[in-house]
């Protein structure tokens, strides 16, 4: 499903093009291990991740959505270490 939104920094985000630099495919290590331990892996056999994760290419904010939800469950903001 294609979606779009505006990041808090003002950058327009969309997953309408594939591949894109916004949509990240994220699995836990356990989920990935279970996928890789199958005898035969075909691309269509890989399940969708539990969460949709988007990264803004401008400010690098990370938005985490529960699958099927239009509202971000968690937003991470890049933190710059003090010098």
C-alpha atoms as a PDB file:
ATOM      1  CA  UNK A   1       0.000   0.000   0.000  1.00  0.00           C
ATOM      2  CA  UNK A   2       1.416   3.361  -0.916  1.00  0.00           C
ATOM      3  CA  UNK A   3       1.377   6.191   1.568  1.00  0.00           C
ATOM      4  CA  UNK A   4       2.739   9.678   2.011  1.00  0.00           C
ATOM      5  CA  UNK A   5       3.268  12.087   4.841  1.00  0.00           C
ATOM      6  CA  UNK A   6       5.206  15.216   5.731  1.00  0.00           C
ATOM      7  CA  UNK A   7       8.083  14.846   8.178  1.00  0.00           C
ATOM      8  CA  UNK A   8       8.274  17.269  11.096  1.00  0.00           C
ATOM      9  CA  UNK A   9      11.205  18.912   9.253  1.00  0.00           C
ATOM     10  CA  UNK A  10       8.929  19.648   6.272  1.00  0.00           C
ATOM     11  CA  UNK A  11      10.287  16.968   3.902  1.00  0.00           C
ATOM     12  CA  UNK A  12       7.584  15.145   1.903  1.00  0.00           C
ATOM     13  CA  UNK A  13       7.904  11.371   2.435  1.00  0.00           C
ATOM     14  CA  UNK A  14       6.369   8.720   0.184  1.00  0.00           C
ATOM     15  CA  UNK A  15       6.759   5.023  -0.485  1.00  0.00           C
ATOM     16  CA  UNK A  16       5.064   5.192  -3.905  1.00  0.00           C
ATOM     17  CA  UNK A  17       8.291   4.427  -5.797  1.00  0.00           C
ATOM     18  CA  UNK A  18      10.026   1.103  -5.335  1.00  0.00           C
ATOM     19  CA  UNK A  19      12.801   0.983  -4.418  1.00  0.00           C
ATOM     20  CA  UNK A  20      12.930   4.157  -2.356  1.00  0.00           C
ATOM     21  CA  UNK A  21      15.101   5.726   0.347  1.00  0.00           C
ATOM     22  CA  UNK A  22      12.271   6.175   2.869  1.00  0.00           C
ATOM     23  CA  UNK A  23      10.826   2.723   3.625  1.00  0.00           C
ATOM     24  CA  UNK A  24      13.088   0.473   5.737  1.00  0.00           C
ATOM     25  CA  UNK A  25      12.554  -3.277   6.093  1.00  0.00           C
ATOM     26  CA  UNK A  26      13.235  -4.156   9.717  1.00  0.00           C
ATOM     27  CA  UNK A  27      13.111  -7.547  11.427  1.00  0.00           C
ATOM     28  CA  UNK A  28      14.276  -8.504  14.896  1.00  0.00           C
ATOM     29  CA  UNK A  29      17.229 -10.867  14.949  1.00  0.00           C
ATOM     30  CA  UNK A  30      14.918 -13.688  16.085  1.00  0.00           C
ATOM     31  CA  UNK A  31      12.425 -13.018  13.276  1.00  0.00           C
ATOM     32  CA  UNK A  32      15.227 -13.000  10.691  1.00  0.00           C
ATOM     33  CA  UNK A  33      16.764 -16.180  12.128  1.00  0.00           C
ATOM     34  CA  UNK A  34      13.379 -17.939  11.809  1.00  0.00           C
ATOM     35  CA  UNK A  35      13.106 -16.811   8.186  1.00  0.00           C
ATOM     36  CA  UNK A  36      16.653 -17.939   7.340  1.00  0.00           C
ATOM     37  CA  UNK A  37      16.230 -21.328   9.028  1.00  0.00           C
ATOM     38  CA  UNK A  38      13.624 -22.410   6.491  1.00  0.00           C
ATOM     39  CA  UNK A  39      14.812 -25.147   4.168  1.00  0.00           C
ATOM     40  CA  UNK A  40      13.998 -23.180   1.014  1.00  0.00           C
ATOM     41  CA  UNK A  41      13.470 -19.441   0.905  1.00  0.00           C
ATOM     42  CA  UNK A  42      11.604 -17.808  -1.936  1.00  0.00           C
ATOM     43  CA  UNK A  43      11.103 -14.036  -1.953  1.00  0.00           C
ATOM     44  CA  UNK A  44       7.329 -14.431  -1.710  1.00  0.00           C
ATOM     45  CA  UNK A  45       7.767 -16.586   1.425  1.00  0.00           C
ATOM     46  CA  UNK A  46       9.368 -13.791   3.459  1.00  0.00           C
ATOM     47  CA  UNK A  47       6.665 -12.375   5.739  1.00  0.00           C
ATOM     48  CA  UNK A  48       6.000  -8.672   6.033  1.00  0.00           C
ATOM     49  CA  UNK A  49       7.738  -7.084   9.024  1.00  0.00           C
ATOM     50  CA  UNK A  50       5.650  -6.415  12.128  1.00  0.00           C
ATOM     51  CA  UNK A  51       6.218  -2.652  11.768  1.00  0.00           C
ATOM     52  CA  UNK A  52       6.468  -0.200   8.885  1.00  0.00           C
ATOM     53  CA  UNK A  53       9.585   1.916   9.445  1.00  0.00           C
ATOM     54  CA  UNK A  54      10.286   5.126   7.530  1.00  0.00           C
ATOM     55  CA  UNK A  55      13.437   7.282   7.601  1.00  0.00           C
ATOM     56  CA  UNK A  56      13.454  10.906   6.507  1.00  0.00           C
ATOM     57  CA  UNK A  57      16.400  11.433   4.117  1.00  0.00           C
ATOM     58  CA  UNK A  58      16.716  15.072   5.237  1.00  0.00           C
ATOM     59  CA  UNK A  59      16.699  15.022   9.054  1.00  0.00           C
ATOM     60  CA  UNK A  60      17.015  11.221   9.529  1.00  0.00           C
ATOM     61  CA  UNK A  61      13.991  10.981  11.852  1.00  0.00           C
ATOM     62  CA  UNK A  62      12.712   7.420  12.132  1.00  0.00           C
ATOM     63  CA  UNK A  63       8.952   6.830  12.146  1.00  0.00           C
ATOM     64  CA  UNK A  64       7.642   3.460  13.367  1.00  0.00           C
ATOM     65  CA  UNK A  65       4.088   2.461  12.434  1.00  0.00           C
ATOM     66  CA  UNK A  66       2.170  -0.620  13.491  1.00  0.00           C
ATOM     67  CA  UNK A  67       1.188  -2.458  10.317  1.00  0.00           C
ATOM     68  CA  UNK A  68      -2.095  -1.038   9.039  1.00  0.00           C
ATOM     69  CA  UNK A  69      -1.940   2.154  11.143  1.00  0.00           C
ATOM     70  CA  UNK A  70      -1.512   5.643   9.681  1.00  0.00           C
ATOM     71  CA  UNK A  71      -0.238   7.144  12.932  1.00  0.00           C
ATOM     72  CA  UNK A  72       3.368   6.736  14.016  1.00  0.00           C
ATOM     73  CA  UNK A  73       3.638   4.688  17.203  1.00  0.00           C
ATOM     74  CA  UNK A  74       7.206   5.889  17.870  1.00  0.00           C
ATOM     75  CA  UNK A  75       9.322   8.724  16.415  1.00  0.00           C
ATOM     76  CA  UNK A  76      13.096   8.730  16.885  1.00  0.00           C
ATOM     77  CA  UNK A  77      15.098  11.911  16.417  1.00  0.00           C
ATOM     78  CA  UNK A  78      18.792  11.820  15.555  1.00  0.00           C
ATOM     79  CA  UNK A  79      20.881  12.893  18.501  1.00  0.00           C
ATOM     80  CA  UNK A  80      24.256  14.518  17.907  1.00  0.00           C
ATOM     81  CA  UNK A  81      26.860  13.752  20.586  1.00  0.00           C
ATOM     82  CA  UNK A  82      28.203  16.770  22.453  1.00  0.00           C
ATOM     83  CA  UNK A  83      31.748  17.634  21.521  1.00  0.00           C
END
